Amino acid sequence: MGKIILPFLCMLLLFPTATSGSEPEGLKCPNPDVLMKTTVKDKDELSQALVDIIPKVYGSSPDYQEWQIEVIKPMPILTGMEENYYKMAVNFCGENVANLSWFV
């Protein structure tokens, strides 16, 4: 599961923007002004998009030829231990980006 979650989070944070948190070296956060606002109703659309996104991110690596979605939720509704990923996104790229991000 970690092989999918952390790289997906990094992928969501690739585009530059000004942030209030500290930005790790090499990380560029997305501009929240160009991100789409989504809801839980968009889960199926994201699930379908991952079929194209994952090969673009991982290329032909045999480690990522087979994968499955175990959790898919908008970051702002995460609870329990998963909420820590939302807090990391807020820290690295700001609340606006975190509120428009998904946990996969």
PDB file of N, CA and C in Angstrom:
ATOM      1  N   MET A   1       0.824  -1.186   0.000  1.00  0.00           N
ATOM      2  CA  MET A   1       0.000   0.000   0.000  1.00  0.00           C
ATOM      3  C   MET A   1       0.870   1.252   0.000  1.00  0.00           C
ATOM      4  N   GLY A   2       1.954   1.232   0.758  1.00  0.00           N
ATOM      5  CA  GLY A   2       2.848   2.380   0.824  1.00  0.00           C
ATOM      6  C   GLY A   2       3.494   2.693  -0.510  1.00  0.00           C
ATOM      7  N   LYS A   3       3.672   1.647  -1.361  1.00  0.00           N
ATOM      8  CA  LYS A   3       4.267   1.861  -2.674  1.00  0.00           C
ATOM      9  C   LYS A   3       3.381   2.741  -3.547  1.00  0.00           C
ATOM     10  N   ILE A   4       2.092   2.773  -3.249  1.00  0.00           N
ATOM     11  CA  ILE A   4       1.164   3.579  -4.041  1.00  0.00           C
ATOM     12  C   ILE A   4       0.900   4.919  -3.375  1.00  0.00           C
ATOM     13  N   ILE A   5       0.729   4.935  -2.073  1.00  0.00           N
ATOM     14  CA  ILE A   5       0.312   6.143  -1.363  1.00  0.00           C
ATOM     15  C   ILE A   5       1.354   7.253  -1.445  1.00  0.00           C
ATOM     16  N   LEU A   6       2.570   6.971  -1.010  1.00  0.00           N
ATOM     17  CA  LEU A   6       3.580   8.025  -0.963  1.00  0.00           C
ATOM     18  C   LEU A   6       3.932   8.565  -2.339  1.00  0.00           C
ATOM     19  N   PRO A   7       4.150   7.700  -3.349  1.00  0.00           N
ATOM     20  CA  PRO A   7       4.434   8.267  -4.674  1.00  0.00           C
ATOM     21  C   PRO A   7       3.263   9.080  -5.223  1.00  0.00           C
ATOM     22  N   PHE A   8       2.034   8.665  -4.949  1.00  0.00           N
ATOM     23  CA  PHE A   8       0.885   9.420  -5.439  1.00  0.00           C
ATOM     24  C   PHE A   8       0.840  10.794  -4.779  1.00  0.00           C
ATOM     25  N   LEU A   9       1.121  10.831  -3.487  1.00  0.00           N
ATOM     26  CA  LEU A   9       1.165  12.129  -2.800  1.00  0.00           C
ATOM     27  C   LEU A   9       2.232  13.022  -3.416  1.00  0.00           C
ATOM     28  N   CYS A  10       3.405  12.433  -3.674  1.00  0.00           N
ATOM     29  CA  CYS A  10       4.482  13.223  -4.285  1.00  0.00           C
ATOM     30  C   CYS A  10       4.070  13.728  -5.659  1.00  0.00           C
ATOM     31  N   MET A  11       3.380  12.864  -6.419  1.00  0.00           N
ATOM     32  CA  MET A  11       2.937  13.255  -7.746  1.00  0.00           C
ATOM     33  C   MET A  11       1.972  14.440  -7.666  1.00  0.00           C
ATOM     34  N   LEU A  12       1.105  14.443  -6.655  1.00  0.00           N
ATOM     35  CA  LEU A  12       0.145  15.530  -6.493  1.00  0.00           C
ATOM     36  C   LEU A  12       0.827  16.845  -6.147  1.00  0.00           C
ATOM     37  N   LEU A  13       2.041  16.763  -5.636  1.00  0.00           N
ATOM     38  CA  LEU A  13       2.723  17.949  -5.136  1.00  0.00           C
ATOM     39  C   LEU A  13       3.849  18.421  -6.057  1.00  0.00           C
ATOM     40  N   LEU A  14       3.785  18.101  -7.342  1.00  0.00           N
ATOM     41  CA  LEU A  14       4.881  18.396  -8.256  1.00  0.00           C
ATOM     42  C   LEU A  14       4.899  19.808  -8.831  1.00  0.00           C
ATOM     43  N   PHE A  15       3.814  20.539  -8.806  1.00  0.00           N
ATOM     44  CA  PHE A  15       3.750  21.831  -9.477  1.00  0.00           C
ATOM     45  C   PHE A  15       4.056  22.972  -8.514  1.00  0.00           C
ATOM     46  N   PRO A  16       4.767  24.028  -8.987  1.00  0.00           N
ATOM     47  CA  PRO A  16       5.206  25.095  -8.081  1.00  0.00           C
ATOM     48  C   PRO A  16       4.079  25.999  -7.574  1.00  0.00           C
ATOM     49  N   THR A  17       4.251  26.465  -6.335  1.00  0.00           N
ATOM     50  CA  THR A  17       3.349  27.442  -5.739  1.00  0.00           C
ATOM     51  C   THR A  17       4.006  27.988  -4.477  1.00  0.00           C
ATOM     52  N   ALA A  18       3.551  29.100  -3.990  1.00  0.00           N
ATOM     53  CA  ALA A  18       4.033  29.635  -2.720  1.00  0.00           C
ATOM     54  C   ALA A  18       3.348  28.875  -1.588  1.00  0.00           C
ATOM     55  N   THR A  19       4.108  28.530  -0.556  1.00  0.00           N
ATOM     56  CA  THR A  19       3.540  27.780   0.555  1.00  0.00           C
ATOM     57  C   THR A  19       3.933  28.410   1.871  1.00  0.00           C
ATOM     58  N   SER A  20       3.167  28.072   2.886  1.00  0.00           N
ATOM     59  CA  SER A  20       3.507  28.552   4.216  1.00  0.00           C
ATOM     60  C   SER A  20       4.402  27.555   4.952  1.00  0.00           C
ATOM     61  N   GLY A  21       4.416  26.302   4.505  1.00  0.00           N
ATOM     62  CA  GLY A  21       5.235  25.274   5.140  1.00  0.00           C
ATOM     63  C   GLY A  21       6.602  25.200   4.483  1.00  0.00           C
ATOM     64  N   SER A  22       7.463  24.353   5.030  1.00  0.00           N
ATOM     65  CA  SER A  22       8.775  24.172   4.437  1.00  0.00           C
ATOM     66  C   SER A  22       8.663  23.174   3.293  1.00  0.00           C
ATOM     67  N   GLU A  23       9.396  23.422   2.225  1.00  0.00           N
ATOM     68  CA  GLU A  23       9.330  22.592   1.040  1.00  0.00           C
ATOM     69  C   GLU A  23      10.604  21.763   0.935  1.00  0.00           C
ATOM     70  N   PRO A  24      10.487  20.420   0.937  1.00  0.00           N
ATOM     71  CA  PRO A  24      11.680  19.586   0.812  1.00  0.00           C
ATOM     72  C   PRO A  24      12.393  19.857  -0.507  1.00  0.00           C
ATOM     73  N   GLU A  25      13.699  19.641  -0.523  1.00  0.00           N
ATOM     74  CA  GLU A  25      14.491  19.877  -1.720  1.00  0.00           C
ATOM     75  C   GLU A  25      13.953  19.052  -2.884  1.00  0.00           C
ATOM     76  N   GLY A  26      13.761  19.683  -4.025  1.00  0.00           N
ATOM     77  CA  GLY A  26      13.289  19.006  -5.224  1.00  0.00           C
ATOM     78  C   GLY A  26      11.771  18.897  -5.325  1.00  0.00           C
ATOM     79  N   LEU A  27      11.040  19.223  -4.282  1.00  0.00           N
ATOM     80  CA  LEU A  27       9.578  19.122  -4.304  1.00  0.00           C
ATOM     81  C   LEU A  27       8.981  20.437  -4.771  1.00  0.00           C
ATOM     82  N   LYS A  28       8.071  20.364  -5.713  1.00  0.00           N
ATOM     83  CA  LYS A  28       7.354  21.546  -6.191  1.00  0.00           C
ATOM     84  C   LYS A  28       5.874  21.294  -5.972  1.00  0.00           C
ATOM     85  N   CYS A  29       5.241  22.178  -5.264  1.00  0.00           N
ATOM     86  CA  CYS A  29       3.822  22.027  -4.948  1.00  0.00           C
ATOM     87  C   CYS A  29       2.962  22.564  -6.083  1.00  0.00           C
ATOM     88  N   PRO A  30       1.773  21.972  -6.265  1.00  0.00           N
ATOM     89  CA  PRO A  30       0.870  22.475  -7.292  1.00  0.00           C
ATOM     90  C   PRO A  30       0.283  23.828  -6.898  1.00  0.00           C
ATOM     91  N   ASN A  31      -0.109  24.583  -7.891  1.00  0.00           N
ATOM     92  CA  ASN A  31      -0.774  25.856  -7.671  1.00  0.00           C
ATOM     93  C   ASN A  31      -2.240  25.553  -7.376  1.00  0.00           C
ATOM     94  N   PRO A  32      -2.737  25.868  -6.187  1.00  0.00           N
ATOM     95  CA  PRO A  32      -4.121  25.536  -5.859  1.00  0.00           C
ATOM     96  C   PRO A  32      -5.142  26.252  -6.740  1.00  0.00           C
ATOM     97  N   ASP A  33      -4.736  27.350  -7.373  1.00  0.00           N
ATOM     98  CA  ASP A  33      -5.654  28.078  -8.241  1.00  0.00           C
ATOM     99  C   ASP A  33      -6.001  27.312  -9.516  1.00  0.00           C
ATOM    100  N   VAL A  34      -5.156  26.356  -9.901  1.00  0.00           N
ATOM    101  CA  VAL A  34      -5.422  25.593 -11.128  1.00  0.00           C
ATOM    102  C   VAL A  34      -5.911  24.176 -10.833  1.00  0.00           C
ATOM    103  N   LEU A  35      -5.984  23.805  -9.561  1.00  0.00           N
ATOM    104  CA  LEU A  35      -6.488  22.482  -9.194  1.00  0.00           C
ATOM    105  C   LEU A  35      -8.010  22.481  -9.205  1.00  0.00           C
ATOM    106  N   MET A  36      -8.580  21.343  -9.580  1.00  0.00           N
ATOM    107  CA  MET A  36     -10.038  21.204  -9.602  1.00  0.00           C
ATOM    108  C   MET A  36     -10.557  20.899  -8.205  1.00  0.00           C
ATOM    109  N   LYS A  37     -11.675  21.473  -7.866  1.00  0.00           N
ATOM    110  CA  LYS A  37     -12.347  21.133  -6.615  1.00  0.00           C
ATOM    111  C   LYS A  37     -13.142  19.858  -6.868  1.00  0.00           C
ATOM    112  N   THR A  38     -12.937  18.860  -6.022  1.00  0.00           N
ATOM    113  CA  THR A  38     -13.621  17.580  -6.194  1.00  0.00           C
ATOM    114  C   THR A  38     -14.304  17.176  -4.901  1.00  0.00           C
ATOM    115  N   THR A  39     -15.146  16.169  -5.001  1.00  0.00           N
ATOM    116  CA  THR A  39     -15.828  15.619  -3.838  1.00  0.00           C
ATOM    117  C   THR A  39     -15.723  14.102  -3.886  1.00  0.00           C
ATOM    118  N   VAL A  40     -16.275  13.448  -2.893  1.00  0.00           N
ATOM    119  CA  VAL A  40     -16.277  11.989  -2.849  1.00  0.00           C
ATOM    120  C   VAL A  40     -16.952  11.423  -4.102  1.00  0.00           C
ATOM    121  N   LYS A  41     -17.857  12.166  -4.681  1.00  0.00           N
ATOM    122  CA  LYS A  41     -18.554  11.716  -5.892  1.00  0.00           C
ATOM    123  C   LYS A  41     -17.602  11.533  -7.071  1.00  0.00           C
ATOM    124  N   ASP A  42     -16.410  12.142  -7.014  1.00  0.00           N
ATOM    125  CA  ASP A  42     -15.434  12.048  -8.103  1.00  0.00           C
ATOM    126  C   ASP A  42     -14.492  10.853  -7.954  1.00  0.00           C
ATOM    127  N   LYS A  43     -14.724  10.022  -6.968  1.00  0.00           N
ATOM    128  CA  LYS A  43     -13.840   8.885  -6.683  1.00  0.00           C
ATOM    129  C   LYS A  43     -13.699   7.955  -7.885  1.00  0.00           C
ATOM    130  N   ASP A  44     -14.783   7.641  -8.553  1.00  0.00           N
ATOM    131  CA  ASP A  44     -14.720   6.725  -9.693  1.00  0.00           C
ATOM    132  C   ASP A  44     -13.892   7.309 -10.837  1.00  0.00           C
ATOM    133  N   GLU A  45     -14.028   8.607 -11.051  1.00  0.00           N
ATOM    134  CA  GLU A  45     -13.258   9.255 -12.114  1.00  0.00           C
ATOM    135  C   GLU A  45     -11.763   9.201 -11.813  1.00  0.00           C
ATOM    136  N   LEU A  46     -11.383   9.442 -10.560  1.00  0.00           N
ATOM    137  CA  LEU A  46      -9.974   9.348 -10.178  1.00  0.00           C
ATOM    138  C   LEU A  46      -9.488   7.912 -10.313  1.00  0.00           C
ATOM    139  N   SER A  47     -10.277   6.956  -9.897  1.00  0.00           N
ATOM    140  CA  SER A  47      -9.896   5.544 -10.018  1.00  0.00           C
ATOM    141  C   SER A  47      -9.584   5.195 -11.467  1.00  0.00           C
ATOM    142  N   GLN A  48     -10.398   5.679 -12.386  1.00  0.00           N
ATOM    143  CA  GLN A  48     -10.158   5.422 -13.807  1.00  0.00           C
ATOM    144  C   GLN A  48      -8.909   6.155 -14.296  1.00  0.00           C
ATOM    145  N   ALA A  49      -8.690   7.358 -13.811  1.00  0.00           N
ATOM    146  CA  ALA A  49      -7.521   8.145 -14.233  1.00  0.00           C
ATOM    147  C   ALA A  49      -6.214   7.500 -13.775  1.00  0.00           C
ATOM    148  N   LEU A  50      -6.236   6.779 -12.664  1.00  0.00           N
ATOM    149  CA  LEU A  50      -5.025   6.137 -12.162  1.00  0.00           C
ATOM    150  C   LEU A  50      -4.483   5.101 -13.137  1.00  0.00           C
ATOM    151  N   VAL A  51      -5.346   4.553 -13.966  1.00  0.00           N
ATOM    152  CA  VAL A  51      -4.907   3.592 -14.991  1.00  0.00           C
ATOM    153  C   VAL A  51      -3.906   4.264 -15.929  1.00  0.00           C
ATOM    154  N   ASP A  52      -4.066   5.555 -16.188  1.00  0.00           N
ATOM    155  CA  ASP A  52      -3.125   6.301 -17.026  1.00  0.00           C
ATOM    156  C   ASP A  52      -2.000   6.927 -16.213  1.00  0.00           C
ATOM    157  N   ILE A  53      -2.314   7.381 -15.004  1.00  0.00           N
ATOM    158  CA  ILE A  53      -1.335   8.102 -14.183  1.00  0.00           C
ATOM    159  C   ILE A  53      -0.198   7.193 -13.716  1.00  0.00           C
ATOM    160  N   ILE A  54      -0.515   6.025 -13.212  1.00  0.00           N
ATOM    161  CA  ILE A  54       0.516   5.156 -12.619  1.00  0.00           C
ATOM    162  C   ILE A  54       1.581   4.757 -13.639  1.00  0.00           C
ATOM    163  N   PRO A  55       1.234   4.325 -14.858  1.00  0.00           N
ATOM    164  CA  PRO A  55       2.303   4.023 -15.831  1.00  0.00           C
ATOM    165  C   PRO A  55       3.150   5.240 -16.197  1.00  0.00           C
ATOM    166  N   LYS A  56       2.558   6.433 -16.209  1.00  0.00           N
ATOM    167  CA  LYS A  56       3.336   7.637 -16.517  1.00  0.00           C
ATOM    168  C   LYS A  56       4.339   7.933 -15.416  1.00  0.00           C
ATOM    169  N   VAL A  57       3.963   7.672 -14.172  1.00  0.00           N
ATOM    170  CA  VAL A  57       4.845   7.942 -13.033  1.00  0.00           C
ATOM    171  C   VAL A  57       5.925   6.875 -12.904  1.00  0.00           C
ATOM    172  N   TYR A  58       5.562   5.606 -13.075  1.00  0.00           N
ATOM    173  CA  TYR A  58       6.484   4.504 -12.817  1.00  0.00           C
ATOM    174  C   TYR A  58       7.081   3.883 -14.065  1.00  0.00           C
ATOM    175  N   GLY A  59       6.625   4.280 -15.236  1.00  0.00           N
ATOM    176  CA  GLY A  59       7.176   3.725 -16.471  1.00  0.00           C
ATOM    177  C   GLY A  59       6.917   2.237 -16.582  1.00  0.00           C
ATOM    178  N   SER A  60       7.904   1.521 -17.067  1.00  0.00           N
ATOM    179  CA  SER A  60       7.730   0.089 -17.294  1.00  0.00           C
ATOM    180  C   SER A  60       8.281  -0.764 -16.150  1.00  0.00           C
ATOM    181  N   SER A  61       8.486  -0.173 -15.000  1.00  0.00           N
ATOM    182  CA  SER A  61       8.997  -0.923 -13.847  1.00  0.00           C
ATOM    183  C   SER A  61       8.084  -2.113 -13.553  1.00  0.00           C
ATOM    184  N   PRO A  62       8.666  -3.308 -13.484  1.00  0.00           N
ATOM    185  CA  PRO A  62       7.835  -4.495 -13.211  1.00  0.00           C
ATOM    186  C   PRO A  62       7.188  -4.464 -11.828  1.00  0.00           C
ATOM    187  N   ASP A  63       7.724  -3.668 -10.922  1.00  0.00           N
ATOM    188  CA  ASP A  63       7.160  -3.584  -9.580  1.00  0.00           C
ATOM    189  C   ASP A  63       5.779  -2.924  -9.570  1.00  0.00           C
ATOM    190  N   TYR A  64       5.433  -2.194 -10.624  1.00  0.00           N
ATOM    191  CA  TYR A  64       4.177  -1.444 -10.642  1.00  0.00           C
ATOM    192  C   TYR A  64       3.262  -1.836 -11.801  1.00  0.00           C
ATOM    193  N   GLN A  65       3.493  -3.011 -12.373  1.00  0.00           N
ATOM    194  CA  GLN A  65       2.628  -3.471 -13.454  1.00  0.00           C
ATOM    195  C   GLN A  65       1.261  -3.904 -12.924  1.00  0.00           C
ATOM    196  N   GLU A  66       1.249  -4.437 -11.714  1.00  0.00           N
ATOM    197  CA  GLU A  66      -0.005  -4.828 -11.080  1.00  0.00           C
ATOM    198  C   GLU A  66      -0.162  -4.022  -9.805  1.00  0.00           C
ATOM    199  N   TRP A  67      -1.336  -3.461  -9.600  1.00  0.00           N
ATOM    200  CA  TRP A  67      -1.612  -2.656  -8.411  1.00  0.00           C
ATOM    201  C   TRP A  67      -3.115  -2.657  -8.184  1.00  0.00           C
ATOM    202  N   GLN A  68      -3.501  -2.287  -6.983  1.00  0.00           N
ATOM    203  CA  GLN A  68      -4.924  -2.157  -6.665  1.00  0.00           C
ATOM    204  C   GLN A  68      -5.112  -1.011  -5.693  1.00  0.00           C
ATOM    205  N   ILE A  69      -6.256  -0.390  -5.760  1.00  0.00           N
ATOM    206  CA  ILE A  69      -6.587   0.703  -4.856  1.00  0.00           C
ATOM    207  C   ILE A  69      -7.154   0.099  -3.577  1.00  0.00           C
ATOM    208  N   GLU A  70      -6.534   0.421  -2.464  1.00  0.00           N
ATOM    209  CA  GLU A  70      -7.029  -0.053  -1.170  1.00  0.00           C
ATOM    210  C   GLU A  70      -7.819   1.024  -0.447  1.00  0.00           C
ATOM    211  N   VAL A  71      -7.402   2.290  -0.608  1.00  0.00           N
ATOM    212  CA  VAL A  71      -8.081   3.426   0.017  1.00  0.00           C
ATOM    213  C   VAL A  71      -8.057   4.562  -0.990  1.00  0.00           C
ATOM    214  N   ILE A  72      -9.161   5.262  -1.115  1.00  0.00           N
ATOM    215  CA  ILE A  72      -9.214   6.446  -1.977  1.00  0.00           C
ATOM    216  C   ILE A  72     -10.232   7.405  -1.359  1.00  0.00           C
ATOM    217  N   LYS A  73      -9.705   8.525  -0.817  1.00  0.00           N
ATOM    218  CA  LYS A  73     -10.553   9.501  -0.125  1.00  0.00           C
ATOM    219  C   LYS A  73      -9.984  10.904  -0.332  1.00  0.00           C
ATOM    220  N   PRO A  74     -10.843  11.911  -0.363  1.00  0.00           N
ATOM    221  CA  PRO A  74     -10.319  13.281  -0.340  1.00  0.00           C
ATOM    222  C   PRO A  74      -9.566  13.517   0.981  1.00  0.00           C
ATOM    223  N   MET A  75      -8.433  14.170   0.904  1.00  0.00           N
ATOM    224  CA  MET A  75      -7.601  14.375   2.097  1.00  0.00           C
ATOM    225  C   MET A  75      -8.330  15.042   3.263  1.00  0.00           C
ATOM    226  N   PRO A  76      -9.169  16.058   3.040  1.00  0.00           N
ATOM    227  CA  PRO A  76      -9.782  16.736   4.189  1.00  0.00           C
ATOM    228  C   PRO A  76     -10.687  15.846   5.046  1.00  0.00           C
ATOM    229  N   ILE A  77     -11.148  14.704   4.521  1.00  0.00           N
ATOM    230  CA  ILE A  77     -12.037  13.867   5.331  1.00  0.00           C
ATOM    231  C   ILE A  77     -11.310  12.696   5.981  1.00  0.00           C
ATOM    232  N   LEU A  78      -9.993  12.655   5.888  1.00  0.00           N
ATOM    233  CA  LEU A  78      -9.235  11.569   6.516  1.00  0.00           C
ATOM    234  C   LEU A  78      -9.362  11.642   8.033  1.00  0.00           C
ATOM    235  N   THR A  79      -9.388  10.476   8.666  1.00  0.00           N
ATOM    236  CA  THR A  79      -9.451  10.390  10.120  1.00  0.00           C
ATOM    237  C   THR A  79      -8.431   9.374  10.604  1.00  0.00           C
ATOM    238  N   GLY A  80      -8.245   9.316  11.886  1.00  0.00           N
ATOM    239  CA  GLY A  80      -7.325   8.338  12.470  1.00  0.00           C
ATOM    240  C   GLY A  80      -5.900   8.563  12.004  1.00  0.00           C
ATOM    241  N   MET A  81      -5.172   7.472  11.823  1.00  0.00           N
ATOM    242  CA  MET A  81      -3.765   7.558  11.405  1.00  0.00           C
ATOM    243  C   MET A  81      -3.616   8.156  10.007  1.00  0.00           C
ATOM    244  N   GLU A  82      -4.613   7.931   9.146  1.00  0.00           N
ATOM    245  CA  GLU A  82      -4.545   8.478   7.787  1.00  0.00           C
ATOM    246  C   GLU A  82      -4.507  10.006   7.795  1.00  0.00           C
ATOM    247  N   GLU A  83      -5.069  10.625   8.825  1.00  0.00           N
ATOM    248  CA  GLU A  83      -5.092  12.082   8.908  1.00  0.00           C
ATOM    249  C   GLU A  83      -3.681  12.672   8.922  1.00  0.00           C
ATOM    250  N   ASN A  84      -2.687  11.883   9.318  1.00  0.00           N
ATOM    251  CA  ASN A  84      -1.303  12.358   9.318  1.00  0.00           C
ATOM    252  C   ASN A  84      -0.833  12.721   7.913  1.00  0.00           C
ATOM    253  N   TYR A  85      -1.343  12.018   6.893  1.00  0.00           N
ATOM    254  CA  TYR A  85      -0.972  12.344   5.519  1.00  0.00           C
ATOM    255  C   TYR A  85      -1.538  13.709   5.121  1.00  0.00           C
ATOM    256  N   TYR A  86      -2.725  14.013   5.587  1.00  0.00           N
ATOM    257  CA  TYR A  86      -3.310  15.337   5.343  1.00  0.00           C
ATOM    258  C   TYR A  86      -2.433  16.403   6.010  1.00  0.00           C
ATOM    259  N   LYS A  87      -2.032  16.154   7.245  1.00  0.00           N
ATOM    260  CA  LYS A  87      -1.188  17.115   7.967  1.00  0.00           C
ATOM    261  C   LYS A  87       0.147  17.312   7.259  1.00  0.00           C
ATOM    262  N   MET A  88       0.723  16.232   6.697  1.00  0.00           N
ATOM    263  CA  MET A  88       1.977  16.359   5.947  1.00  0.00           C
ATOM    264  C   MET A  88       1.768  17.224   4.706  1.00  0.00           C
ATOM    265  N   ALA A  89       0.659  17.016   4.006  1.00  0.00           N
ATOM    266  CA  ALA A  89       0.382  17.815   2.811  1.00  0.00           C
ATOM    267  C   ALA A  89       0.222  19.291   3.177  1.00  0.00           C
ATOM    268  N   VAL A  90      -0.458  19.575   4.299  1.00  0.00           N
ATOM    269  CA  VAL A  90      -0.603  20.957   4.770  1.00  0.00           C
ATOM    270  C   VAL A  90       0.776  21.532   5.073  1.00  0.00           C
ATOM    271  N   ASN A  91       1.606  20.776   5.754  1.00  0.00           N
ATOM    272  CA  ASN A  91       2.940  21.238   6.128  1.00  0.00           C
ATOM    273  C   ASN A  91       3.797  21.524   4.901  1.00  0.00           C
ATOM    274  N   PHE A  92       3.774  20.633   3.912  1.00  0.00           N
ATOM    275  CA  PHE A  92       4.653  20.782   2.761  1.00  0.00           C
ATOM    276  C   PHE A  92       4.130  21.755   1.710  1.00  0.00           C
ATOM    277  N   CYS A  93       2.811  21.791   1.494  1.00  0.00           N
ATOM    278  CA  CYS A  93       2.292  22.591   0.380  1.00  0.00           C
ATOM    279  C   CYS A  93       1.152  23.528   0.756  1.00  0.00           C
ATOM    280  N   GLY A  94       0.791  23.591   2.016  1.00  0.00           N
ATOM    281  CA  GLY A  94      -0.244  24.521   2.439  1.00  0.00           C
ATOM    282  C   GLY A  94      -1.634  23.897   2.449  1.00  0.00           C
ATOM    283  N   GLU A  95      -2.511  24.531   3.202  1.00  0.00           N
ATOM    284  CA  GLU A  95      -3.863  24.004   3.401  1.00  0.00           C
ATOM    285  C   GLU A  95      -4.685  24.004   2.110  1.00  0.00           C
ATOM    286  N   ASN A  96      -4.499  25.016   1.260  1.00  0.00           N
ATOM    287  CA  ASN A  96      -5.265  25.065   0.009  1.00  0.00           C
ATOM    288  C   ASN A  96      -4.986  23.845  -0.868  1.00  0.00           C
ATOM    289  N   VAL A  97      -3.718  23.469  -1.003  1.00  0.00           N
ATOM    290  CA  VAL A  97      -3.365  22.289  -1.805  1.00  0.00           C
ATOM    291  C   VAL A  97      -3.866  21.022  -1.112  1.00  0.00           C
ATOM    292  N   ALA A  98      -3.645  20.908   0.186  1.00  0.00           N
ATOM    293  CA  ALA A  98      -4.075  19.712   0.910  1.00  0.00           C
ATOM    294  C   ALA A  98      -5.580  19.508   0.805  1.00  0.00           C
ATOM    295  N   ASN A  99      -6.351  20.587   0.850  1.00  0.00           N
ATOM    296  CA  ASN A  99      -7.807  20.484   0.762  1.00  0.00           C
ATOM    297  C   ASN A  99      -8.285  20.034  -0.610  1.00  0.00           C
ATOM    298  N   LEU A 100      -7.436  20.124  -1.620  1.00  0.00           N
ATOM    299  CA  LEU A 100      -7.800  19.716  -2.973  1.00  0.00           C
ATOM    300  C   LEU A 100      -7.129  18.402  -3.380  1.00  0.00           C
ATOM    301  N   SER A 101      -6.483  17.726  -2.424  1.00  0.00           N
ATOM    302  CA  SER A 101      -5.733  16.506  -2.701  1.00  0.00           C
ATOM    303  C   SER A 101      -6.486  15.257  -2.248  1.00  0.00           C
ATOM    304  N   TRP A 102      -6.070  14.137  -2.798  1.00  0.00           N
ATOM    305  CA  TRP A 102      -6.668  12.844  -2.459  1.00  0.00           C
ATOM    306  C   TRP A 102      -5.624  11.914  -1.860  1.00  0.00           C
ATOM    307  N   PHE A 103      -6.083  11.044  -0.993  1.00  0.00           N
ATOM    308  CA  PHE A 103      -5.270   9.991  -0.376  1.00  0.00           C
ATOM    309  C   PHE A 103      -5.589   8.697  -1.113  1.00  0.00           C
ATOM    310  N   VAL A 104      -4.589   8.118  -1.801  1.00  0.00           N
ATOM    311  CA  VAL A 104      -4.811   6.885  -2.559  1.00  0.00           C
ATOM    312  C   VAL A 104      -3.788   5.858  -2.121  1.00  0.00           C
TER     313      VAL A 104
END
